[in-house]
């Protein structure tokens, strides 16, 4: 029996990489094989040496084609089978393996904005420009939320694909939404986030709706879009001292992290709209205006996790997770 395997990979577009995909028909009993593509068309190779390699790293059910068809997430390799320069997964995997003893868990909150052509979905509404922020976050009703049908469909297909999606909600700006992946390991969380992003883009195609990850989709008095990253280790799940050690380590490495947390992030991290300034670092309990938030339950229990609120919606989760694993892993005992 033949099935369709949709090969998904991350390209070399700068400053923000894009998802690419193409279909290979394989035997249903066959493991997805190594494949190739034209890297000169994805900002990953020159025309004179255009071949790049797709190495399958994660497979799941394809809830769009359904049946026995599958999605195949791939990392990009050179033709000598070494990691391609755009392959950020390889270094995330190395960091995860190096610090595996700390049993990292990640939960990523992916915010995004739905667009109808060049404007956010539902803008302007029948009354003109949407009313100021206030009633949109977790709102209900046609005057408060736009695009719920697509959001619900995305939740359903992610669940049917077997992804560890754990929730969705309307966000602070109209046409802005969020889904969450995790808690799972750092590499798994990043893999699944990329697949969930691809599913969101793919579902929007037939509906004339695009999902965008720009960190400041609308200028002015509107919230930006982030990829808040929740992280814990086995030490943090048993000791508040480990929580504080992680926060202090992130304070010391703020400048190294922030440059890799998404293009145009300075437009979002202004000190307003539930953010800390991009050139500052603060960690506080329950404060969504801090760089890193310690949830009140974590303080109350004396153990748990922290939320890094700095990553932009368009950040590469392989890079963010690697940096957090490296920085926090070094101070865990």
C-alpha atoms as a PDB file:
ATOM      1  CA  UNK A   1       0.000   0.000   0.000  1.00  0.00           C
ATOM      2  CA  UNK A   2       1.291   3.439  -0.926  1.00  0.00           C
ATOM      3  CA  UNK A   3       1.007   6.502   1.324  1.00  0.00           C
ATOM      4  CA  UNK A   4       1.880  10.172   1.004  1.00  0.00           C
ATOM      5  CA  UNK A   5       4.704  11.423   3.224  1.00  0.00           C
ATOM      6  CA  UNK A   6       4.832  15.215   3.518  1.00  0.00           C
ATOM      7  CA  UNK A   7       8.481  16.168   4.104  1.00  0.00           C
ATOM      8  CA  UNK A   8       8.760  19.405   6.114  1.00  0.00           C
ATOM      9  CA  UNK A   9      11.959  21.354   6.671  1.00  0.00           C
ATOM     10  CA  UNK A  10      13.234  24.765   7.780  1.00  0.00           C
ATOM     11  CA  UNK A  11      14.820  26.895   5.062  1.00  0.00           C
ATOM     12  CA  UNK A  12      17.634  29.466   5.042  1.00  0.00           C
ATOM     13  CA  UNK A  13      15.591  32.655   4.707  1.00  0.00           C
ATOM     14  CA  UNK A  14      16.964  35.525   6.804  1.00  0.00           C
ATOM     15  CA  UNK A  15      16.332  37.052   9.240  1.00  0.00           C
ATOM     16  CA  UNK A  16      13.464  34.612   9.859  1.00  0.00           C
ATOM     17  CA  UNK A  17      13.467  31.079   8.461  1.00  0.00           C
ATOM     18  CA  UNK A  18      10.372  29.697   6.740  1.00  0.00           C
ATOM     19  CA  UNK A  19       8.742  26.265   6.577  1.00  0.00           C
ATOM     20  CA  UNK A  20       9.021  24.371   3.307  1.00  0.00           C
ATOM     21  CA  UNK A  21       7.476  21.046   2.338  1.00  0.00           C
ATOM     22  CA  UNK A  22       6.978  18.595  -0.511  1.00  0.00           C
ATOM     23  CA  UNK A  23       5.388  15.183  -0.917  1.00  0.00           C
ATOM     24  CA  UNK A  24       7.016  11.781  -1.411  1.00  0.00           C
ATOM     25  CA  UNK A  25       4.949   8.668  -2.110  1.00  0.00           C
ATOM     26  CA  UNK A  26       6.363   5.710  -0.199  1.00  0.00           C
ATOM     27  CA  UNK A  27       5.335   2.212   0.803  1.00  0.00           C
ATOM     28  CA  UNK A  28       3.319   2.153   4.022  1.00  0.00           C
ATOM     29  CA  UNK A  29       5.752  -0.348   5.570  1.00  0.00           C
ATOM     30  CA  UNK A  30       8.783   1.756   4.634  1.00  0.00           C
ATOM     31  CA  UNK A  31      10.607   4.061   7.008  1.00  0.00           C
ATOM     32  CA  UNK A  32      10.726   7.553   5.499  1.00  0.00           C
ATOM     33  CA  UNK A  33      14.027   7.577   3.604  1.00  0.00           C
ATOM     34  CA  UNK A  34      16.622  10.304   3.301  1.00  0.00           C
ATOM     35  CA  UNK A  35      15.615  12.606   0.441  1.00  0.00           C
ATOM     36  CA  UNK A  36      16.893  15.764  -1.249  1.00  0.00           C
ATOM     37  CA  UNK A  37      15.846  19.174  -2.532  1.00  0.00           C
ATOM     38  CA  UNK A  38      17.047  22.196  -4.482  1.00  0.00           C
ATOM     39  CA  UNK A  39      18.786  24.348  -1.888  1.00  0.00           C
ATOM     40  CA  UNK A  40      19.357  27.144  -4.406  1.00  0.00           C
ATOM     41  CA  UNK A  41      15.621  27.866  -4.229  1.00  0.00           C
ATOM     42  CA  UNK A  42      15.477  27.947  -0.410  1.00  0.00           C
ATOM     43  CA  UNK A  43      18.474  30.179   0.400  1.00  0.00           C
ATOM     44  CA  UNK A  44      20.522  27.134   1.364  1.00  0.00           C
ATOM     45  CA  UNK A  45      22.818  26.526  -1.615  1.00  0.00           C
ATOM     46  CA  UNK A  46      24.154  28.009  -4.853  1.00  0.00           C
ATOM     47  CA  UNK A  47      22.941  26.954  -8.282  1.00  0.00           C
ATOM     48  CA  UNK A  48      26.330  25.366  -9.011  1.00  0.00           C
ATOM     49  CA  UNK A  49      26.074  23.065  -5.959  1.00  0.00           C
ATOM     50  CA  UNK A  50      22.359  23.051  -5.294  1.00  0.00           C
ATOM     51  CA  UNK A  51      21.717  19.666  -3.690  1.00  0.00           C
ATOM     52  CA  UNK A  52      20.788  19.533  -0.005  1.00  0.00           C
ATOM     53  CA  UNK A  53      19.733  16.500   2.014  1.00  0.00           C
ATOM     54  CA  UNK A  54      16.534  15.938   4.022  1.00  0.00           C
ATOM     55  CA  UNK A  55      17.101  13.657   7.004  1.00  0.00           C
ATOM     56  CA  UNK A  56      13.848  12.549   8.723  1.00  0.00           C
ATOM     57  CA  UNK A  57      13.879  13.225  12.479  1.00  0.00           C
ATOM     58  CA  UNK A  58      10.212  13.200  13.545  1.00  0.00           C
ATOM     59  CA  UNK A  59       7.110  11.617  12.001  1.00  0.00           C
ATOM     60  CA  UNK A  60       3.433  11.789  12.888  1.00  0.00           C
ATOM     61  CA  UNK A  61       0.006  11.161  11.427  1.00  0.00           C
ATOM     62  CA  UNK A  62      -1.050  13.581   8.693  1.00  0.00           C
ATOM     63  CA  UNK A  63      -4.454  14.833   9.890  1.00  0.00           C
ATOM     64  CA  UNK A  64      -5.067  16.824   6.693  1.00  0.00           C
ATOM     65  CA  UNK A  65      -4.677  14.026   4.141  1.00  0.00           C
ATOM     66  CA  UNK A  66      -5.806  11.537   6.829  1.00  0.00           C
ATOM     67  CA  UNK A  67      -5.770   7.807   6.160  1.00  0.00           C
ATOM     68  CA  UNK A  68      -2.323   6.286   6.705  1.00  0.00           C
ATOM     69  CA  UNK A  69      -0.506   9.331   5.373  1.00  0.00           C
ATOM     70  CA  UNK A  70       2.214  10.959   7.474  1.00  0.00           C
ATOM     71  CA  UNK A  71       4.067  14.191   8.140  1.00  0.00           C
ATOM     72  CA  UNK A  72       7.858  13.914   8.215  1.00  0.00           C
ATOM     73  CA  UNK A  73       9.873  16.691   9.848  1.00  0.00           C
ATOM     74  CA  UNK A  74      13.436  16.746   8.547  1.00  0.00           C
ATOM     75  CA  UNK A  75      16.737  18.352   9.415  1.00  0.00           C
ATOM     76  CA  UNK A  76      18.848  19.677   6.552  1.00  0.00           C
ATOM     77  CA  UNK A  77      22.257  18.110   5.873  1.00  0.00           C
ATOM     78  CA  UNK A  78      25.059  18.747   3.432  1.00  0.00           C
ATOM     79  CA  UNK A  79      25.681  16.067   0.813  1.00  0.00           C
ATOM     80  CA  UNK A  80      28.466  14.673   3.028  1.00  0.00           C
ATOM     81  CA  UNK A  81      25.705  14.141   5.656  1.00  0.00           C
ATOM     82  CA  UNK A  82      27.062  16.755   8.078  1.00  0.00           C
ATOM     83  CA  UNK A  83      24.635  19.384   9.450  1.00  0.00           C
ATOM     84  CA  UNK A  84      23.911  22.238   7.056  1.00  0.00           C
ATOM     85  CA  UNK A  85      24.819  25.731   8.407  1.00  0.00           C
ATOM     86  CA  UNK A  86      21.072  26.488   8.649  1.00  0.00           C
ATOM     87  CA  UNK A  87      20.445  23.335  10.692  1.00  0.00           C
ATOM     88  CA  UNK A  88      19.845  24.701  14.203  1.00  0.00           C
ATOM     89  CA  UNK A  89      18.354  21.396  15.355  1.00  0.00           C
ATOM     90  CA  UNK A  90      21.729  19.644  15.445  1.00  0.00           C
ATOM     91  CA  UNK A  91      23.164  21.986  18.097  1.00  0.00           C
ATOM     92  CA  UNK A  92      19.927  21.831  20.099  1.00  0.00           C
ATOM     93  CA  UNK A  93      20.169  18.054  20.070  1.00  0.00           C
ATOM     94  CA  UNK A  94      23.801  18.170  21.214  1.00  0.00           C
ATOM     95  CA  UNK A  95      22.951  20.487  24.121  1.00  0.00           C
ATOM     96  CA  UNK A  96      19.963  18.331  25.098  1.00  0.00           C
ATOM     97  CA  UNK A  97      22.079  15.203  25.156  1.00  0.00           C
ATOM     98  CA  UNK A  98      24.886  16.905  27.104  1.00  0.00           C
ATOM     99  CA  UNK A  99      22.480  18.019  29.845  1.00  0.00           C
ATOM    100  CA  UNK A 100      20.090  15.052  29.710  1.00  0.00           C
ATOM    101  CA  UNK A 101      20.758  14.260  33.389  1.00  0.00           C
ATOM    102  CA  UNK A 102      18.836  17.408  34.365  1.00  0.00           C
ATOM    103  CA  UNK A 103      15.632  16.129  32.730  1.00  0.00           C
ATOM    104  CA  UNK A 104      14.589  19.414  31.116  1.00  0.00           C
ATOM    105  CA  UNK A 105      10.925  20.011  30.336  1.00  0.00           C
ATOM    106  CA  UNK A 106       9.724  22.771  28.022  1.00  0.00           C
ATOM    107  CA  UNK A 107       6.347  24.326  27.303  1.00  0.00           C
ATOM    108  CA  UNK A 108       6.168  26.890  24.489  1.00  0.00           C
ATOM    109  CA  UNK A 109       3.344  29.423  24.143  1.00  0.00           C
ATOM    110  CA  UNK A 110       3.145  30.313  20.452  1.00  0.00           C
ATOM    111  CA  UNK A 111       1.345  33.593  19.780  1.00  0.00           C
ATOM    112  CA  UNK A 112       0.397  34.486  16.208  1.00  0.00           C
ATOM    113  CA  UNK A 113      -1.812  36.899  14.272  1.00  0.00           C
ATOM    114  CA  UNK A 114      -4.324  35.889  11.618  1.00  0.00           C
ATOM    115  CA  UNK A 115      -4.286  38.016   8.461  1.00  0.00           C
ATOM    116  CA  UNK A 116      -6.762  38.556   5.651  1.00  0.00           C
ATOM    117  CA  UNK A 117      -4.489  39.784   2.887  1.00  0.00           C
ATOM    118  CA  UNK A 118      -2.464  42.734   4.186  1.00  0.00           C
ATOM    119  CA  UNK A 119      -4.544  43.429   7.294  1.00  0.00           C
ATOM    120  CA  UNK A 120      -5.310  41.488  10.469  1.00  0.00           C
ATOM    121  CA  UNK A 121      -8.433  39.366  10.141  1.00  0.00           C
ATOM    122  CA  UNK A 122     -11.567  41.372  10.991  1.00  0.00           C
ATOM    123  CA  UNK A 123      -9.821  44.766  10.788  1.00  0.00           C
ATOM    124  CA  UNK A 124     -11.509  47.173  10.396  1.00  0.00           C
ATOM    125  CA  UNK A 125     -14.751  45.872  11.886  1.00  0.00           C
ATOM    126  CA  UNK A 126     -18.186  47.239  11.012  1.00  0.00           C
ATOM    127  CA  UNK A 127     -17.701  50.102  13.418  1.00  0.00           C
ATOM    128  CA  UNK A 128     -14.318  51.003  11.965  1.00  0.00           C
ATOM    129  CA  UNK A 129     -11.010  50.508  13.734  1.00  0.00           C
ATOM    130  CA  UNK A 130     -11.284  47.938  16.559  1.00  0.00           C
ATOM    131  CA  UNK A 131     -11.899  49.280  20.039  1.00  0.00           C
ATOM    132  CA  UNK A 132      -8.834  49.542  22.296  1.00  0.00           C
ATOM    133  CA  UNK A 133      -7.436  46.464  24.016  1.00  0.00           C
ATOM    134  CA  UNK A 134      -9.501  45.208  26.893  1.00  0.00           C
ATOM    135  CA  UNK A 135     -12.100  42.626  25.982  1.00  0.00           C
ATOM    136  CA  UNK A 136     -10.217  40.531  23.477  1.00  0.00           C
ATOM    137  CA  UNK A 137      -8.037  38.333  25.720  1.00  0.00           C
ATOM    138  CA  UNK A 138      -9.874  35.008  26.109  1.00  0.00           C
ATOM    139  CA  UNK A 139     -12.879  36.850  24.727  1.00  0.00           C
ATOM    140  CA  UNK A 140     -16.132  35.358  23.464  1.00  0.00           C
ATOM    141  CA  UNK A 141     -18.403  36.735  20.757  1.00  0.00           C
ATOM    142  CA  UNK A 142     -18.184  37.998  17.192  1.00  0.00           C
ATOM    143  CA  UNK A 143     -17.380  41.508  18.401  1.00  0.00           C
ATOM    144  CA  UNK A 144     -14.397  40.303  20.440  1.00  0.00           C
ATOM    145  CA  UNK A 145     -12.703  37.487  18.503  1.00  0.00           C
ATOM    146  CA  UNK A 146     -11.891  36.820  14.852  1.00  0.00           C
ATOM    147  CA  UNK A 147     -10.861  33.507  13.336  1.00  0.00           C
ATOM    148  CA  UNK A 148     -12.022  31.020  15.969  1.00  0.00           C
ATOM    149  CA  UNK A 149     -13.121  28.477  13.340  1.00  0.00           C
ATOM    150  CA  UNK A 150      -9.560  28.160  12.033  1.00  0.00           C
ATOM    151  CA  UNK A 151      -8.131  28.101  15.565  1.00  0.00           C
ATOM    152  CA  UNK A 152     -10.451  25.269  16.622  1.00  0.00           C
ATOM    153  CA  UNK A 153      -9.631  23.325  13.464  1.00  0.00           C
ATOM    154  CA  UNK A 154      -5.913  23.777  14.152  1.00  0.00           C
ATOM    155  CA  UNK A 155      -6.355  22.455  17.687  1.00  0.00           C
ATOM    156  CA  UNK A 156      -8.228  19.441  16.352  1.00  0.00           C
ATOM    157  CA  UNK A 157      -5.653  18.535  13.696  1.00  0.00           C
ATOM    158  CA  UNK A 158      -2.752  18.961  16.136  1.00  0.00           C
ATOM    159  CA  UNK A 159      -4.463  16.542  18.514  1.00  0.00           C
ATOM    160  CA  UNK A 160      -5.176  14.082  15.707  1.00  0.00           C
ATOM    161  CA  UNK A 161      -1.538  14.315  14.606  1.00  0.00           C
ATOM    162  CA  UNK A 162      -0.508  13.234  18.106  1.00  0.00           C
ATOM    163  CA  UNK A 163       1.238  16.476  19.017  1.00  0.00           C
ATOM    164  CA  UNK A 164       1.514  17.455  22.671  1.00  0.00           C
ATOM    165  CA  UNK A 165      -0.648  20.539  22.250  1.00  0.00           C
ATOM    166  CA  UNK A 166      -2.101  21.506  25.617  1.00  0.00           C
ATOM    167  CA  UNK A 167      -4.327  24.502  24.917  1.00  0.00           C
ATOM    168  CA  UNK A 168      -5.372  27.514  22.856  1.00  0.00           C
ATOM    169  CA  UNK A 169      -6.735  30.964  23.671  1.00  0.00           C
ATOM    170  CA  UNK A 170      -7.582  34.316  22.133  1.00  0.00           C
ATOM    171  CA  UNK A 171      -4.887  36.894  22.884  1.00  0.00           C
ATOM    172  CA  UNK A 172      -4.876  40.573  23.864  1.00  0.00           C
ATOM    173  CA  UNK A 173      -5.056  42.016  20.336  1.00  0.00           C
ATOM    174  CA  UNK A 174      -8.025  41.136  18.072  1.00  0.00           C
ATOM    175  CA  UNK A 175      -7.121  38.442  15.495  1.00  0.00           C
ATOM    176  CA  UNK A 176      -4.241  37.373  17.741  1.00  0.00           C
ATOM    177  CA  UNK A 177      -4.237  33.847  19.169  1.00  0.00           C
ATOM    178  CA  UNK A 178      -1.999  31.423  21.014  1.00  0.00           C
ATOM    179  CA  UNK A 179      -1.445  27.684  21.215  1.00  0.00           C
ATOM    180  CA  UNK A 180       0.792  25.845  23.640  1.00  0.00           C
ATOM    181  CA  UNK A 181       3.046  22.824  23.121  1.00  0.00           C
ATOM    182  CA  UNK A 182       4.387  20.767  26.030  1.00  0.00           C
ATOM    183  CA  UNK A 183       5.559  20.059  28.633  1.00  0.00           C
ATOM    184  CA  UNK A 184       8.042  17.777  26.879  1.00  0.00           C
ATOM    185  CA  UNK A 185      11.783  17.649  26.307  1.00  0.00           C
ATOM    186  CA  UNK A 186      13.613  20.550  24.651  1.00  0.00           C
ATOM    187  CA  UNK A 187      14.200  18.856  21.296  1.00  0.00           C
ATOM    188  CA  UNK A 188      10.721  17.344  21.171  1.00  0.00           C
ATOM    189  CA  UNK A 189       9.101  20.695  22.016  1.00  0.00           C
ATOM    190  CA  UNK A 190      10.925  22.440  19.181  1.00  0.00           C
ATOM    191  CA  UNK A 191      10.162  19.639  16.693  1.00  0.00           C
ATOM    192  CA  UNK A 192       6.483  19.695  17.516  1.00  0.00           C
ATOM    193  CA  UNK A 193       6.266  23.490  17.466  1.00  0.00           C
ATOM    194  CA  UNK A 194       7.593  23.552  13.901  1.00  0.00           C
ATOM    195  CA  UNK A 195       5.060  20.895  12.846  1.00  0.00           C
ATOM    196  CA  UNK A 196       2.250  22.814  14.578  1.00  0.00           C
ATOM    197  CA  UNK A 197       3.319  25.993  12.787  1.00  0.00           C
ATOM    198  CA  UNK A 198       3.284  24.153   9.443  1.00  0.00           C
ATOM    199  CA  UNK A 199      -0.207  22.800  10.146  1.00  0.00           C
ATOM    200  CA  UNK A 200      -1.451  26.301  10.940  1.00  0.00           C
ATOM    201  CA  UNK A 201      -0.051  27.718   7.696  1.00  0.00           C
ATOM    202  CA  UNK A 202      -1.403  24.788   5.691  1.00  0.00           C
ATOM    203  CA  UNK A 203      -4.919  25.052   7.096  1.00  0.00           C
ATOM    204  CA  UNK A 204      -5.043  28.749   6.317  1.00  0.00           C
ATOM    205  CA  UNK A 205      -4.298  28.196   2.616  1.00  0.00           C
ATOM    206  CA  UNK A 206      -7.773  27.008   1.612  1.00  0.00           C
ATOM    207  CA  UNK A 207      -9.424  29.699   3.730  1.00  0.00           C
ATOM    208  CA  UNK A 208      -7.505  32.683   2.421  1.00  0.00           C
ATOM    209  CA  UNK A 209      -6.115  33.342   5.901  1.00  0.00           C
ATOM    210  CA  UNK A 210      -2.424  33.564   6.743  1.00  0.00           C
ATOM    211  CA  UNK A 211      -0.895  33.194  10.195  1.00  0.00           C
ATOM    212  CA  UNK A 212       2.008  35.563  10.823  1.00  0.00           C
ATOM    213  CA  UNK A 213       4.595  35.550  13.592  1.00  0.00           C
ATOM    214  CA  UNK A 214       5.850  39.136  13.466  1.00  0.00           C
ATOM    215  CA  UNK A 215       6.558  40.292  17.050  1.00  0.00           C
ATOM    216  CA  UNK A 216       4.795  43.642  16.540  1.00  0.00           C
ATOM    217  CA  UNK A 217       2.046  43.024  13.979  1.00  0.00           C
ATOM    218  CA  UNK A 218       0.306  46.382  14.507  1.00  0.00           C
ATOM    219  CA  UNK A 219       2.062  49.591  15.544  1.00  0.00           C
ATOM    220  CA  UNK A 220       0.694  51.658  18.401  1.00  0.00           C
ATOM    221  CA  UNK A 221      -1.078  50.698  21.614  1.00  0.00           C
ATOM    222  CA  UNK A 222      -1.372  46.994  20.835  1.00  0.00           C
ATOM    223  CA  UNK A 223       0.340  43.977  22.355  1.00  0.00           C
ATOM    224  CA  UNK A 224       3.078  42.268  20.401  1.00  0.00           C
ATOM    225  CA  UNK A 225       3.387  38.539  19.784  1.00  0.00           C
ATOM    226  CA  UNK A 226       5.802  36.291  21.668  1.00  0.00           C
ATOM    227  CA  UNK A 227       6.771  32.666  22.111  1.00  0.00           C
ATOM    228  CA  UNK A 228       6.968  32.594  25.911  1.00  0.00           C
ATOM    229  CA  UNK A 229       9.069  29.589  26.865  1.00  0.00           C
ATOM    230  CA  UNK A 230       8.446  27.734  30.106  1.00  0.00           C
ATOM    231  CA  UNK A 231      11.321  25.630  31.373  1.00  0.00           C
ATOM    232  CA  UNK A 232      12.180  23.434  34.332  1.00  0.00           C
ATOM    233  CA  UNK A 233      14.717  20.823  35.373  1.00  0.00           C
ATOM    234  CA  UNK A 234      14.370  18.012  37.877  1.00  0.00           C
ATOM    235  CA  UNK A 235      16.222  20.250  40.352  1.00  0.00           C
ATOM    236  CA  UNK A 236      13.812  23.144  39.743  1.00  0.00           C
ATOM    237  CA  UNK A 237      10.881  20.791  40.232  1.00  0.00           C
ATOM    238  CA  UNK A 238      12.104  20.062  43.754  1.00  0.00           C
ATOM    239  CA  UNK A 239      13.939  23.217  44.938  1.00  0.00           C
ATOM    240  CA  UNK A 240      13.238  26.962  44.917  1.00  0.00           C
ATOM    241  CA  UNK A 241      16.982  27.557  45.220  1.00  0.00           C
ATOM    242  CA  UNK A 242      17.361  25.934  41.801  1.00  0.00           C
ATOM    243  CA  UNK A 243      14.641  28.271  40.460  1.00  0.00           C
ATOM    244  CA  UNK A 244      16.607  31.311  41.647  1.00  0.00           C
ATOM    245  CA  UNK A 245      19.876  29.874  40.328  1.00  0.00           C
ATOM    246  CA  UNK A 246      18.314  29.533  36.881  1.00  0.00           C
ATOM    247  CA  UNK A 247      17.027  33.128  36.961  1.00  0.00           C
ATOM    248  CA  UNK A 248      20.409  34.495  38.026  1.00  0.00           C
ATOM    249  CA  UNK A 249      22.159  32.542  35.252  1.00  0.00           C
ATOM    250  CA  UNK A 250      19.759  33.995  32.692  1.00  0.00           C
ATOM    251  CA  UNK A 251      20.419  37.493  34.026  1.00  0.00           C
ATOM    252  CA  UNK A 252      24.147  37.021  33.468  1.00  0.00           C
ATOM    253  CA  UNK A 253      23.656  35.808  29.884  1.00  0.00           C
ATOM    254  CA  UNK A 254      20.890  38.198  28.802  1.00  0.00           C
ATOM    255  CA  UNK A 255      22.931  39.873  26.060  1.00  0.00           C
ATOM    256  CA  UNK A 256      23.970  36.508  24.588  1.00  0.00           C
ATOM    257  CA  UNK A 257      20.388  35.255  24.523  1.00  0.00           C
ATOM    258  CA  UNK A 258      18.421  38.278  23.377  1.00  0.00           C
ATOM    259  CA  UNK A 259      20.126  38.627  19.981  1.00  0.00           C
ATOM    260  CA  UNK A 260      18.872  35.139  19.093  1.00  0.00           C
ATOM    261  CA  UNK A 261      15.304  35.562  20.313  1.00  0.00           C
ATOM    262  CA  UNK A 262      13.719  36.680  17.033  1.00  0.00           C
ATOM    263  CA  UNK A 263      14.052  39.399  14.396  1.00  0.00           C
ATOM    264  CA  UNK A 264      12.414  42.788  15.126  1.00  0.00           C
ATOM    265  CA  UNK A 265      12.015  41.828  18.774  1.00  0.00           C
ATOM    266  CA  UNK A 266      13.050  45.345  19.786  1.00  0.00           C
ATOM    267  CA  UNK A 267       9.711  46.544  18.401  1.00  0.00           C
ATOM    268  CA  UNK A 268       7.956  44.338  20.946  1.00  0.00           C
ATOM    269  CA  UNK A 269      10.228  44.526  24.011  1.00  0.00           C
ATOM    270  CA  UNK A 270       9.658  48.182  24.871  1.00  0.00           C
ATOM    271  CA  UNK A 271       8.757  47.973  28.544  1.00  0.00           C
ATOM    272  CA  UNK A 272       5.085  48.343  27.655  1.00  0.00           C
ATOM    273  CA  UNK A 273       2.339  45.871  26.743  1.00  0.00           C
ATOM    274  CA  UNK A 274       3.445  43.179  29.201  1.00  0.00           C
ATOM    275  CA  UNK A 275       7.132  43.270  28.307  1.00  0.00           C
ATOM    276  CA  UNK A 276      10.441  44.291  29.846  1.00  0.00           C
ATOM    277  CA  UNK A 277      12.731  46.564  27.830  1.00  0.00           C
ATOM    278  CA  UNK A 278      15.032  44.658  25.498  1.00  0.00           C
ATOM    279  CA  UNK A 279      18.132  46.211  27.127  1.00  0.00           C
ATOM    280  CA  UNK A 280      17.048  45.297  30.666  1.00  0.00           C
ATOM    281  CA  UNK A 281      16.662  42.053  32.561  1.00  0.00           C
ATOM    282  CA  UNK A 282      14.391  41.462  35.545  1.00  0.00           C
ATOM    283  CA  UNK A 283      12.977  38.336  37.122  1.00  0.00           C
ATOM    284  CA  UNK A 284       9.946  38.680  39.388  1.00  0.00           C
ATOM    285  CA  UNK A 285       7.144  36.604  40.857  1.00  0.00           C
ATOM    286  CA  UNK A 286       3.884  36.838  38.872  1.00  0.00           C
ATOM    287  CA  UNK A 287       5.079  39.909  36.898  1.00  0.00           C
ATOM    288  CA  UNK A 288       4.315  39.735  33.185  1.00  0.00           C
ATOM    289  CA  UNK A 289       6.366  42.881  32.714  1.00  0.00           C
ATOM    290  CA  UNK A 290       9.502  41.010  33.770  1.00  0.00           C
ATOM    291  CA  UNK A 291      11.973  39.302  31.445  1.00  0.00           C
ATOM    292  CA  UNK A 292      11.476  36.061  33.345  1.00  0.00           C
ATOM    293  CA  UNK A 293       8.328  35.407  35.365  1.00  0.00           C
ATOM    294  CA  UNK A 294       8.286  33.085  38.351  1.00  0.00           C
ATOM    295  CA  UNK A 295       4.678  31.842  38.580  1.00  0.00           C
ATOM    296  CA  UNK A 296       3.018  32.468  41.942  1.00  0.00           C
ATOM    297  CA  UNK A 297       2.381  28.738  42.293  1.00  0.00           C
ATOM    298  CA  UNK A 298       6.105  28.073  41.916  1.00  0.00           C
ATOM    299  CA  UNK A 299       6.883  30.483  44.754  1.00  0.00           C
ATOM    300  CA  UNK A 300       4.079  29.066  46.909  1.00  0.00           C
ATOM    301  CA  UNK A 301       5.162  25.452  46.358  1.00  0.00           C
ATOM    302  CA  UNK A 302       8.862  26.257  46.558  1.00  0.00           C
ATOM    303  CA  UNK A 303       9.453  24.414  43.280  1.00  0.00           C
ATOM    304  CA  UNK A 304       8.261  24.300  39.677  1.00  0.00           C
ATOM    305  CA  UNK A 305       9.198  26.213  36.536  1.00  0.00           C
ATOM    306  CA  UNK A 306       9.955  29.657  35.146  1.00  0.00           C
ATOM    307  CA  UNK A 307       8.678  31.499  32.078  1.00  0.00           C
ATOM    308  CA  UNK A 308      11.135  33.250  29.772  1.00  0.00           C
ATOM    309  CA  UNK A 309       8.975  36.013  28.264  1.00  0.00           C
ATOM    310  CA  UNK A 310      11.674  37.407  25.970  1.00  0.00           C
ATOM    311  CA  UNK A 311      11.433  35.154  22.859  1.00  0.00           C
ATOM    312  CA  UNK A 312       9.500  36.695  19.969  1.00  0.00           C
ATOM    313  CA  UNK A 313       6.771  34.801  18.147  1.00  0.00           C
ATOM    314  CA  UNK A 314       9.109  34.316  15.174  1.00  0.00           C
ATOM    315  CA  UNK A 315      12.003  32.918  17.235  1.00  0.00           C
ATOM    316  CA  UNK A 316      13.544  29.597  16.234  1.00  0.00           C
ATOM    317  CA  UNK A 317      12.616  27.201  19.081  1.00  0.00           C
ATOM    318  CA  UNK A 318      15.719  25.086  18.444  1.00  0.00           C
ATOM    319  CA  UNK A 319      17.900  28.123  19.169  1.00  0.00           C
ATOM    320  CA  UNK A 320      15.889  29.341  22.170  1.00  0.00           C
ATOM    321  CA  UNK A 321      15.733  25.900  23.752  1.00  0.00           C
ATOM    322  CA  UNK A 322      19.446  25.283  23.162  1.00  0.00           C
ATOM    323  CA  UNK A 323      20.398  28.537  24.850  1.00  0.00           C
ATOM    324  CA  UNK A 324      18.173  27.839  27.841  1.00  0.00           C
ATOM    325  CA  UNK A 325      19.483  24.286  28.200  1.00  0.00           C
ATOM    326  CA  UNK A 326      23.101  25.436  27.999  1.00  0.00           C
ATOM    327  CA  UNK A 327      22.714  28.348  30.404  1.00  0.00           C
ATOM    328  CA  UNK A 328      20.524  26.671  33.008  1.00  0.00           C
ATOM    329  CA  UNK A 329      22.185  23.283  32.663  1.00  0.00           C
ATOM    330  CA  UNK A 330      25.538  24.733  33.694  1.00  0.00           C
ATOM    331  CA  UNK A 331      24.237  25.927  37.089  1.00  0.00           C
ATOM    332  CA  UNK A 332      22.167  22.885  38.057  1.00  0.00           C
ATOM    333  CA  UNK A 333      23.700  20.615  40.677  1.00  0.00           C
END
